[in-house]
Protein backbone atom coordinates (compact mmCIF):
# COMPACT_ATOMS: atom_id res chain seq x y z
CA UNK A 1 -79.31 -42.91 -24.54
CA UNK A 2 -77.07 -40.76 -22.40
CA UNK A 3 -76.49 -40.07 -18.89
CA UNK A 4 -91.38 -15.17 -31.37
CA UNK A 5 -94.32 -17.33 -30.47
CA UNK A 6 -95.39 -17.26 -34.12
CA UNK A 7 -98.19 -19.71 -33.51
CA UNK A 8 -99.93 -17.76 -30.72
CA UNK A 9 -103.07 -17.09 -32.72
CA UNK A 10 -103.34 -20.76 -33.66
CA UNK A 11 -102.82 -21.93 -30.12
CA UNK A 12 -105.56 -19.62 -28.93
CA UNK A 13 -108.02 -21.85 -30.77
CA UNK A 14 -106.79 -24.89 -28.85
CA UNK A 15 -107.06 -23.61 -25.29
CA UNK A 16 -109.08 -25.69 -22.89
CA UNK A 17 -112.57 -24.63 -21.92
CA UNK A 18 -113.59 -24.49 -18.27
CA UNK A 19 -115.57 -27.47 -17.06
CA UNK A 20 -117.51 -27.15 -13.82
CA UNK A 21 -119.20 -30.12 -12.24
CA UNK A 22 -121.30 -30.19 -9.07
CA UNK A 23 -120.42 -33.21 -6.98
CA UNK A 24 -121.47 -32.42 -3.40
CA UNK A 25 -118.72 -29.82 -3.33
CA UNK A 26 -117.86 -28.02 -6.55
CA UNK A 27 -115.15 -29.49 -8.80
CA UNK A 28 -113.29 -27.12 -11.09
CA UNK A 29 -110.94 -28.27 -13.87
CA UNK A 30 -107.90 -26.06 -14.33
CA UNK A 31 -107.65 -24.42 -17.75
CA UNK A 32 -104.89 -22.59 -19.60
CA UNK A 33 -103.75 -19.42 -17.76
CA UNK A 34 -105.40 -20.27 -14.44
CA UNK A 35 -103.75 -19.44 -11.13
CA UNK A 36 -104.93 -20.50 -7.70
CA UNK A 37 -105.47 -16.88 -6.69
CA UNK A 38 -107.51 -16.25 -9.83
CA UNK A 39 -109.67 -19.32 -9.21
CA UNK A 40 -110.19 -18.29 -5.57
CA UNK A 41 -111.26 -14.79 -6.64
CA UNK A 42 -113.59 -16.21 -9.28
CA UNK A 43 -115.42 -18.34 -6.73
CA UNK A 44 -115.37 -15.80 -3.90
CA UNK A 45 -113.13 -17.83 -1.65
CA UNK A 46 -109.48 -17.83 -0.55
CA UNK A 47 -106.34 -19.71 -1.57
CA UNK A 48 -106.01 -21.17 1.93
CA UNK A 49 -109.57 -22.50 1.81
CA UNK A 50 -108.93 -24.20 -1.53
CA UNK A 51 -105.64 -25.65 -0.27
CA UNK A 52 -107.37 -27.03 2.81
CA UNK A 53 -109.90 -28.81 0.59
CA UNK A 54 -107.18 -30.10 -1.75
CA UNK A 55 -104.34 -31.63 0.31
CA UNK A 56 -102.81 -33.01 -2.90
CA UNK A 57 -101.72 -29.45 -3.76
CA UNK A 58 -98.48 -28.91 -1.85
CA UNK A 59 -97.34 -25.85 -3.80
CA UNK A 60 -99.96 -23.13 -4.37
CA UNK A 61 -97.90 -21.84 -7.30
CA UNK A 62 -98.00 -25.19 -9.08
CA UNK A 63 -101.28 -26.24 -10.67
CA UNK A 64 -101.65 -27.65 -14.16
CA UNK A 65 -104.12 -27.75 -17.03
CA UNK A 66 -106.63 -30.58 -16.60
CA UNK A 67 -106.20 -30.81 -12.82
CA UNK A 68 -109.46 -31.15 -10.86
CA UNK A 69 -109.73 -28.91 -7.80
CA UNK A 70 -112.43 -29.07 -5.15
CA UNK A 71 -114.01 -25.65 -4.45
CA UNK A 72 -115.75 -25.65 -1.01
CA UNK A 73 -118.32 -23.01 -1.95
CA UNK A 74 -121.86 -23.00 -3.24
CA UNK A 75 -122.59 -21.99 -6.80
CA UNK A 76 -120.44 -21.86 -9.88
CA UNK A 77 -119.68 -19.56 -12.77
CA UNK A 78 -121.05 -20.49 -16.12
CA UNK A 79 -118.73 -22.64 -18.21
CA UNK A 80 -117.12 -21.03 -21.24
CA UNK A 81 -119.29 -21.59 -24.33
CA UNK A 82 -118.13 -24.10 -26.94
CA UNK A 83 -116.34 -22.97 -30.11
CA UNK A 84 -118.43 -21.44 -32.90
CA UNK A 85 -120.21 -24.01 -35.02
CA UNK A 86 -120.53 -26.60 -32.24
CA UNK A 87 -123.61 -27.62 -30.29
CA UNK A 88 -123.58 -27.38 -26.48
CA UNK A 89 -123.79 -30.78 -24.83
CA UNK A 90 -127.21 -31.37 -23.21
CA UNK A 91 -127.46 -32.64 -19.63
CA UNK A 92 -126.85 -36.39 -19.51
CA UNK A 93 -129.89 -38.65 -19.11
CA UNK A 94 -130.26 -40.70 -15.97
CA UNK A 95 -128.31 -43.95 -16.06
CA UNK A 96 -125.52 -42.70 -18.27
CA UNK A 97 -122.00 -41.44 -17.58
CA UNK A 98 -120.01 -38.53 -18.91
CA UNK A 99 -116.54 -38.07 -20.35
CA UNK A 100 -114.60 -34.81 -20.81
CA UNK A 101 -112.76 -34.59 -24.14
CA UNK A 102 -108.96 -34.42 -23.85
CA UNK A 103 -106.43 -33.18 -26.40
CA UNK A 104 -105.91 -35.79 -29.09
CA UNK A 105 -109.24 -37.55 -28.52
CA UNK A 106 -111.44 -38.68 -31.38
CA UNK A 107 -115.02 -39.83 -31.04
CA UNK A 108 -114.13 -43.28 -32.38
CA UNK A 109 -111.29 -43.71 -29.88
CA UNK A 110 -113.54 -42.66 -27.00
CA UNK A 111 -116.19 -45.10 -28.21
CA UNK A 112 -113.66 -47.96 -28.15
CA UNK A 113 -112.69 -47.14 -24.58
CA UNK A 114 -116.31 -47.34 -23.43
CA UNK A 115 -117.26 -50.33 -25.60
CA UNK A 116 -119.83 -48.37 -27.58
CA UNK A 117 -120.01 -46.65 -30.97
CA UNK A 118 -119.25 -43.12 -32.13
CA UNK A 119 -122.79 -42.85 -33.50
CA UNK A 120 -124.29 -43.78 -30.12
CA UNK A 121 -122.21 -41.17 -28.29
CA UNK A 122 -123.06 -38.55 -30.92
CA UNK A 123 -126.78 -39.24 -30.57
CA UNK A 124 -126.66 -39.16 -26.75
CA UNK A 125 -124.57 -35.97 -26.74
CA UNK A 126 -126.46 -34.04 -29.39
CA UNK A 127 -123.47 -34.01 -31.76
CA UNK A 128 -124.35 -33.43 -35.42
CA UNK A 129 -120.80 -33.77 -36.80
CA UNK A 130 -118.92 -36.81 -35.46
CA UNK A 131 -115.64 -35.33 -36.72
CA UNK A 132 -116.03 -32.17 -34.64
CA UNK A 133 -115.46 -32.43 -30.91
CA UNK A 134 -113.41 -30.03 -28.82
CA UNK A 135 -111.19 -30.13 -25.74
CA UNK A 136 -113.25 -29.68 -22.57
CA UNK A 137 -116.50 -30.84 -24.17
CA UNK A 138 -118.53 -33.10 -21.88
CA UNK A 139 -119.89 -36.11 -23.74
CA UNK A 140 -122.71 -38.38 -22.65
CA UNK A 141 -121.74 -42.06 -22.81
CA UNK A 142 -124.83 -44.25 -23.29
CA UNK A 143 -125.62 -47.71 -22.12
CA UNK A 144 -123.50 -48.11 -19.05
CA UNK A 145 -124.76 -46.19 -16.08
CA UNK A 146 -122.03 -45.95 -13.47
CA UNK A 147 -118.48 -47.12 -13.93
CA UNK A 148 -115.18 -46.02 -15.41
CA UNK A 149 -113.83 -46.27 -18.93
CA UNK A 150 -111.51 -49.14 -19.72
CA UNK A 151 -107.91 -48.23 -18.84
CA UNK A 152 -106.54 -46.62 -22.01
CA UNK A 153 -103.30 -48.59 -22.06
CA UNK A 154 -104.34 -52.00 -20.78
CA UNK A 155 -105.94 -53.71 -23.76
CA UNK A 156 -103.77 -51.92 -26.31
CA UNK A 157 -100.30 -52.34 -24.79
CA UNK A 158 -97.71 -52.97 -27.49
CA UNK A 159 -94.05 -53.95 -27.49
CA UNK A 160 -91.33 -53.03 -29.96
CA UNK A 161 -87.62 -52.40 -30.35
CA UNK A 162 -85.31 -49.77 -31.74
CA UNK A 163 -83.47 -51.02 -34.79
CA UNK A 164 -81.64 -49.67 -37.83
CA UNK A 165 -83.40 -51.98 -40.29
CA UNK A 166 -85.64 -55.02 -40.53
CA UNK A 167 -82.92 -57.62 -40.98
CA UNK A 168 -83.97 -59.40 -37.80
CA UNK A 169 -87.69 -59.56 -38.47
CA UNK A 170 -87.92 -63.13 -37.16
CA UNK A 171 -86.47 -62.05 -33.81
CA UNK A 172 -89.01 -59.24 -33.53
CA UNK A 173 -91.80 -61.71 -34.13
CA UNK A 174 -90.36 -64.21 -31.67
CA UNK A 175 -90.38 -61.49 -29.00
CA UNK A 176 -94.01 -60.61 -29.71
CA UNK A 177 -93.04 -57.18 -30.98
CA UNK A 178 -95.35 -55.28 -33.31
CA UNK A 179 -93.52 -51.92 -33.36
CA UNK A 180 -90.11 -50.70 -34.40
CA UNK A 181 -88.50 -47.36 -33.57
CA UNK A 182 -86.26 -45.32 -35.82
CA UNK A 183 -84.44 -42.20 -34.63
CA UNK A 184 -84.06 -39.51 -37.29
CA UNK A 185 -81.30 -36.98 -36.67
CA UNK A 186 -82.54 -33.63 -37.97
CA UNK A 187 -81.30 -31.90 -40.09
CA UNK A 188 -78.91 -34.67 -41.07
CA UNK A 189 -77.87 -35.80 -44.52
CA UNK A 190 -80.39 -38.61 -44.41
CA UNK A 191 -83.21 -38.08 -46.87
CA UNK A 192 -86.93 -38.21 -46.39
CA UNK A 193 -87.00 -40.73 -49.22
CA UNK A 194 -84.95 -43.17 -47.10
CA UNK A 195 -87.26 -42.60 -44.14
CA UNK A 196 -90.31 -43.15 -46.33
CA UNK A 197 -88.83 -46.43 -47.57
CA UNK A 198 -88.32 -47.62 -43.99
CA UNK A 199 -91.86 -46.65 -42.99
CA UNK A 200 -93.30 -48.44 -46.00
CA UNK A 201 -91.13 -51.50 -45.39
CA UNK A 202 -92.28 -51.69 -41.76
CA UNK A 203 -95.91 -51.47 -42.78
CA UNK A 204 -95.51 -54.02 -45.56
CA UNK A 205 -94.15 -56.51 -43.01
CA UNK A 206 -96.94 -55.86 -40.54
CA UNK A 207 -95.10 -53.58 -38.09
CA UNK A 208 -96.03 -50.15 -36.81
CA UNK A 209 -93.27 -47.58 -36.64
CA UNK A 210 -92.34 -44.81 -34.21
CA UNK A 211 -90.10 -42.08 -35.61
CA UNK A 212 -88.19 -39.97 -33.10
CA UNK A 213 -87.17 -36.67 -34.66
CA UNK A 214 -84.29 -35.16 -32.72
CA UNK A 215 -81.26 -32.97 -33.37
CA UNK A 216 -78.16 -34.17 -35.17
CA UNK A 217 -75.62 -32.16 -33.14
CA UNK A 218 -74.22 -33.17 -29.76
CA UNK A 219 -73.97 -30.24 -27.35
CA UNK A 220 -75.82 -27.82 -29.65
CA UNK A 221 -74.84 -24.15 -29.52
CA UNK A 222 -77.05 -21.49 -28.00
CA UNK A 223 -80.03 -20.49 -30.15
CA UNK A 224 -79.12 -23.17 -32.70
CA UNK A 225 -82.53 -24.90 -32.85
CA UNK A 226 -84.58 -23.46 -35.69
CA UNK A 227 -88.03 -24.17 -34.31
CA UNK A 228 -89.92 -23.09 -37.42
CA UNK A 229 -87.83 -25.35 -39.65
CA UNK A 230 -88.18 -28.24 -37.20
CA UNK A 231 -91.97 -27.98 -37.13
CA UNK A 232 -92.07 -27.87 -40.92
CA UNK A 233 -89.91 -30.99 -41.07
CA UNK A 234 -92.06 -32.86 -38.54
CA UNK A 235 -95.06 -32.05 -40.71
CA UNK A 236 -93.27 -33.59 -43.69
CA UNK A 237 -92.53 -36.70 -41.63
CA UNK A 238 -96.19 -36.92 -40.64
CA UNK A 239 -97.14 -36.89 -44.31
CA UNK A 240 -95.12 -40.11 -44.78
CA UNK A 241 -97.56 -41.98 -42.53
CA UNK A 242 -95.65 -43.23 -39.47
CA UNK A 243 -97.78 -44.53 -36.62
CA UNK A 244 -96.18 -42.34 -33.95
CA UNK A 245 -93.81 -39.38 -33.77
CA UNK A 246 -91.68 -38.55 -30.76
CA UNK A 247 -90.91 -34.84 -30.53
CA UNK A 248 -87.16 -34.52 -29.74
CA UNK A 249 -85.12 -36.52 -27.24
CA UNK A 250 -83.70 -35.94 -23.74
CA UNK A 251 -84.13 -32.16 -23.90
CA UNK A 252 -83.31 -31.81 -20.20
CA UNK A 253 -79.55 -32.24 -20.78
CA UNK A 254 -77.07 -30.13 -22.73
CA UNK A 255 -76.07 -33.06 -24.93
CA UNK A 256 -79.40 -32.58 -26.72
CA UNK A 257 -80.45 -28.98 -25.91
CA UNK A 258 -78.33 -25.79 -25.71
CA UNK A 259 -76.67 -25.34 -22.32
CA UNK A 260 -78.14 -22.48 -20.34
CA UNK A 261 -81.36 -22.59 -22.38
CA UNK A 262 -82.85 -25.81 -21.03
CA UNK A 263 -86.46 -24.89 -20.39
CA UNK A 264 -89.64 -27.01 -20.28
CA UNK A 265 -91.81 -24.02 -21.15
CA UNK A 266 -89.66 -23.29 -24.22
CA UNK A 267 -89.92 -26.92 -25.27
CA UNK A 268 -93.70 -26.98 -24.89
CA UNK A 269 -94.42 -23.58 -26.45
CA UNK A 270 -91.84 -23.58 -29.24
CA UNK A 271 -91.70 -27.25 -30.16
CA UNK A 272 -94.22 -29.69 -28.67
CA UNK A 273 -97.39 -27.62 -29.07
CA UNK A 274 -96.82 -26.53 -32.68
CA UNK A 275 -95.51 -30.00 -33.62
CA UNK A 276 -98.66 -31.60 -32.19
CA UNK A 277 -100.84 -29.14 -34.10
CA UNK A 278 -98.93 -29.75 -37.34
CA UNK A 279 -99.02 -33.54 -37.02
CA UNK A 280 -102.72 -33.71 -36.19
CA UNK A 281 -103.55 -31.36 -39.06
CA UNK A 282 -101.68 -33.70 -41.39
CA UNK A 283 -102.87 -37.05 -40.00
CA UNK A 284 -104.94 -37.13 -36.82
CA UNK A 285 -104.31 -40.87 -36.37
CA UNK A 286 -100.58 -40.40 -35.68
CA UNK A 287 -99.75 -40.73 -32.00
CA UNK A 288 -97.71 -37.76 -30.74
CA UNK A 289 -95.28 -38.60 -27.94
CA UNK A 290 -93.43 -36.01 -25.89
CA UNK A 291 -89.66 -36.26 -26.06
CA UNK A 292 -88.47 -38.66 -23.38
CA UNK A 293 -86.18 -37.09 -20.79
CA UNK A 294 -82.78 -38.31 -19.66
CA UNK A 295 -83.46 -40.06 -16.34
CA UNK A 296 -81.23 -38.16 -13.93
CA UNK A 297 -81.14 -36.46 -10.56
CA UNK A 298 -78.31 -34.15 -11.64
CA UNK A 299 -79.54 -30.57 -11.82
CA UNK A 300 -77.39 -27.44 -12.04
CA UNK A 301 -79.89 -25.39 -14.08
CA UNK A 302 -77.38 -24.95 -16.91
CA UNK A 303 -76.14 -28.31 -18.15
CA UNK A 304 -79.03 -30.41 -16.92
CA UNK A 305 -82.37 -30.37 -15.19
CA UNK A 306 -83.48 -33.42 -13.23
CA UNK A 307 -86.26 -35.14 -15.10
CA UNK A 308 -88.59 -34.70 -12.11
CA UNK A 309 -88.24 -30.90 -12.17
CA UNK A 310 -88.43 -30.76 -15.95
CA UNK A 311 -91.59 -32.89 -15.92
CA UNK A 312 -93.23 -30.52 -13.45
CA UNK A 313 -92.31 -27.63 -15.71
CA UNK A 314 -93.84 -29.37 -18.72
CA UNK A 315 -97.02 -29.94 -16.77
CA UNK A 316 -97.21 -26.27 -15.75
CA UNK A 317 -96.68 -25.23 -19.38
CA UNK A 318 -99.72 -27.27 -20.45
CA UNK A 319 -97.89 -30.16 -22.14
CA UNK A 320 -100.79 -32.54 -21.50
CA UNK A 321 -102.79 -30.67 -24.14
CA UNK A 322 -100.24 -31.40 -26.84
CA UNK A 323 -99.38 -35.07 -26.56
CA UNK A 324 -101.11 -38.40 -26.74
CA UNK A 325 -98.45 -40.16 -24.69
CA UNK A 326 -95.67 -39.16 -22.28
CA UNK A 327 -92.24 -40.29 -23.45
CA UNK A 328 -90.17 -42.16 -20.85
CA UNK A 329 -86.61 -43.51 -20.86
CA UNK A 330 -85.29 -46.17 -18.50
CA UNK A 331 -81.82 -47.40 -19.34
CA UNK A 332 -79.74 -47.52 -16.15
CA UNK A 333 -81.26 -50.51 -14.39
CA UNK A 334 -79.13 -53.13 -12.68
CA UNK A 335 -81.79 -54.73 -10.50
CA UNK A 336 -85.04 -56.56 -11.12
CA UNK A 337 -87.89 -54.21 -12.19
CA UNK A 338 -89.73 -54.88 -8.94
CA UNK A 339 -86.76 -53.70 -6.83
CA UNK A 340 -86.64 -50.31 -5.12
CA UNK A 341 -83.18 -50.64 -3.59
CA UNK A 342 -79.90 -52.44 -4.14
CA UNK A 343 -78.69 -50.74 -7.31
CA UNK A 344 -74.85 -50.80 -7.45
CA UNK A 345 -74.70 -47.08 -8.17
CA UNK A 346 -77.29 -46.10 -5.57
CA UNK A 347 -75.62 -45.72 -2.16
CA UNK A 348 -78.71 -45.82 -0.02
CA UNK A 349 -80.59 -42.76 -1.30
CA UNK A 350 -82.90 -44.85 -3.48
CA UNK A 351 -83.16 -42.33 -6.29
CA UNK A 352 -86.11 -43.23 -8.48
CA UNK A 353 -84.16 -43.10 -11.76
CA UNK A 354 -82.24 -46.29 -10.95
CA UNK A 355 -85.46 -48.30 -10.51
CA UNK A 356 -88.19 -49.22 -12.96
CA UNK A 357 -91.31 -48.97 -10.77
CA UNK A 358 -90.48 -45.65 -9.12
CA UNK A 359 -89.64 -44.16 -12.51
CA UNK A 360 -93.05 -45.13 -13.90
CA UNK A 361 -94.72 -43.81 -10.76
CA UNK A 362 -93.07 -40.38 -11.15
CA UNK A 363 -94.19 -39.95 -14.74
CA UNK A 364 -97.68 -41.31 -14.11
CA UNK A 365 -98.26 -39.09 -11.07
CA UNK A 366 -97.11 -36.02 -13.01
CA UNK A 367 -99.35 -36.71 -16.02
CA UNK A 368 -102.22 -38.79 -14.68
CA UNK A 369 -104.45 -38.12 -17.71
CA UNK A 370 -101.98 -39.41 -20.27
CA UNK A 371 -100.61 -42.86 -21.06
CA UNK A 372 -96.88 -43.49 -20.85
CA UNK A 373 -94.75 -44.61 -23.80
CA UNK A 374 -91.40 -46.15 -22.95
CA UNK A 375 -89.60 -45.03 -26.07
CA UNK A 376 -86.36 -46.50 -24.77
CA UNK A 377 -85.97 -49.09 -22.04
CA UNK A 378 -83.30 -51.71 -21.63
CA UNK A 379 -80.64 -53.34 -19.49
CA UNK A 380 -76.95 -53.18 -20.32
CA UNK A 381 -75.01 -56.47 -20.11
CA UNK A 382 -71.28 -56.58 -20.94
CA UNK A 383 -71.33 -60.37 -21.22
CA UNK A 384 -69.45 -61.35 -24.36
CA UNK A 385 -67.45 -58.12 -24.42
CA UNK A 386 -64.13 -57.25 -22.81
CA UNK A 387 -65.04 -54.81 -20.08
CA UNK A 388 -67.40 -51.87 -19.62
CA UNK A 389 -66.96 -48.14 -20.20
CA UNK A 390 -66.25 -46.20 -16.99
CA UNK A 391 -69.68 -44.54 -16.97
CA UNK A 392 -71.40 -47.94 -17.07
CA UNK A 393 -69.56 -49.67 -14.26
CA UNK A 394 -72.87 -50.21 -12.46
CA UNK A 395 -73.76 -52.77 -15.17
CA UNK A 396 -70.52 -54.76 -14.89
CA UNK A 397 -72.18 -57.74 -13.20
CA UNK A 398 -75.40 -57.91 -15.22
CA UNK A 399 -75.59 -61.26 -17.02
CA UNK A 400 -77.50 -62.07 -20.17
CA UNK A 401 -79.94 -64.28 -18.31
CA UNK A 402 -80.69 -61.36 -15.99
CA UNK A 403 -81.13 -59.00 -18.93
CA UNK A 404 -83.64 -61.43 -20.43
CA UNK A 405 -85.54 -61.98 -17.19
CA UNK A 406 -85.64 -58.30 -16.28
CA UNK A 407 -86.87 -57.21 -19.70
CA UNK A 408 -89.67 -59.76 -19.54
CA UNK A 409 -90.63 -58.72 -16.01
CA UNK A 410 -90.61 -55.03 -16.98
CA UNK A 411 -92.77 -55.77 -20.03
CA UNK A 412 -95.23 -57.66 -17.83
CA UNK A 413 -95.42 -54.80 -15.33
CA UNK A 414 -96.00 -52.33 -18.16
CA UNK A 415 -98.64 -54.54 -19.76
CA UNK A 416 -100.51 -54.94 -16.47
CA UNK A 417 -100.27 -51.27 -15.49
CA UNK A 418 -103.27 -50.05 -17.48
CA UNK A 419 -101.43 -46.85 -18.43
CA UNK A 420 -98.35 -47.88 -20.41
CA UNK A 421 -99.34 -47.78 -24.08
CA UNK A 422 -96.06 -48.70 -25.72
CA UNK A 423 -92.67 -50.07 -24.66
CA UNK A 424 -89.70 -49.91 -27.04
CA UNK A 425 -86.73 -52.06 -26.07
CA UNK A 426 -83.36 -50.43 -26.58
CA UNK A 427 -82.22 -52.10 -28.61
CA UNK A 428 -82.74 -55.03 -30.99
CA UNK A 429 -79.46 -55.57 -32.79
CA UNK A 430 -76.98 -52.68 -32.57
CA UNK A 431 -73.33 -53.73 -32.96
CA UNK A 432 -71.44 -50.65 -31.74
CA UNK A 433 -69.57 -51.21 -28.46
CA UNK A 434 -67.09 -48.56 -27.28
CA UNK A 435 -65.04 -49.09 -24.15
CA UNK A 436 -64.42 -45.34 -24.02
CA UNK A 437 -67.94 -44.28 -25.01
CA UNK A 438 -71.33 -45.76 -25.79
CA UNK A 439 -71.79 -49.54 -25.41
CA UNK A 440 -74.94 -49.83 -27.52
CA UNK A 441 -74.36 -53.49 -28.33
CA UNK A 442 -74.39 -54.23 -24.61
CA UNK A 443 -78.08 -53.34 -24.62
CA UNK A 444 -78.87 -55.39 -27.73
CA UNK A 445 -81.10 -58.41 -27.21
CA UNK A 446 -79.78 -60.00 -30.42
CA UNK A 447 -76.18 -60.64 -29.44
CA UNK A 448 -73.08 -60.82 -31.60
CA UNK A 449 -73.41 -64.58 -32.03
CA UNK A 450 -76.99 -64.19 -33.29
CA UNK A 451 -78.64 -65.56 -30.15
CA UNK A 452 -81.49 -63.76 -28.41
CA UNK A 453 -81.91 -64.90 -24.79
CA UNK A 454 -84.65 -62.31 -24.18
CA UNK A 455 -86.78 -63.06 -27.24
CA UNK A 456 -88.67 -66.09 -25.95
CA UNK A 457 -89.39 -64.61 -22.46
CA UNK A 458 -90.69 -61.41 -24.06
CA UNK A 459 -92.77 -63.44 -26.49
CA UNK A 460 -94.34 -65.33 -23.59
CA UNK A 461 -95.38 -62.05 -21.98
CA UNK A 462 -97.00 -60.79 -25.16
CA UNK A 463 -98.91 -64.06 -25.69
């Protein structure tokens, strides 16, 4: 909370395959390496013609993997054949619907979304090995005819909190929380044995656990991130059996990533993509979450990128292929989650990062095919402490009853959204409060006197 591509040959096996669908006009799904000019040439048309048919594209140089583009021409090139050893999907029978496999999908997970079984989908799609599906494959979903799949985040929304231990298990249960988050500072002196003990303890008490693996140095020096060693460590963490892994933290600011080297393409190519591959090879059931960005509009290209620009860069680099969920942080709120104006630090420009709804909208519109995971959201209240740090003056008037009400409202919005999979409250019970630094205890829902004003309201939402 703060205001050499060695794997190229491996990644080549994971590239998306072109999917072409005839729906009155032709619909083309963007794949890795596509450009608008290349697509136009492939279909014998022009960039301007494609842009006219796709008003949602405002920048012809910015398209992303998985994006559907309308091609106003007749005919289509043949789709790229499936990987060796797989069986091409037959045309779907009348009265069924289709689904295009995304990165991270499993046949069982797809079956749950459509209220059917993996065996039924396999039979309808001509699949002989239910453990072998590939990105871009078009599956036939039996037994439903028209309609859309159930929203991926709606029925499975979960709530949790970041904590250092499980000493306040009763408070977690009171708040309806089923997840905890632990942030591992790599390569710190902490041992994997300690992390394994925490993971096992969480599971033994009925909680799922998200492990964020980030760097242990503030303001890291240039070229100081050893990507190969990091990927190897993430693989070791995956072997311990956490339920989710978040790949780094706030990599759009120089507090977490080397100044002058902040780059979404570097993050995706050197860290996210190989980490995703390593985790899934170790345990395909682990949810991989992209590192949540620092919510900020500050952007000088050296010390920080705004999260909106960084997100667009991640999308262009193909990040959607290497994550199950988009990490999101929201920690500077001082208004109700439904508000879009009135923040004490927002003098009329209504920057999205101060407000809950607009922040979710930005991330959802950038990655419409992926759920969102709020790996850190909370409201700072100085009530019970003597003052606020200068950088948190916007929270000076936030009371504990407001913190409780706003957290509950935000959780309800997330639960109802249909696309927020997980929300982790920052934080449960931290005790550190620095008037000249980081007031972590001001975010805690379990206060210094042991009370938890937010626990019951959150529990009501989760019921």
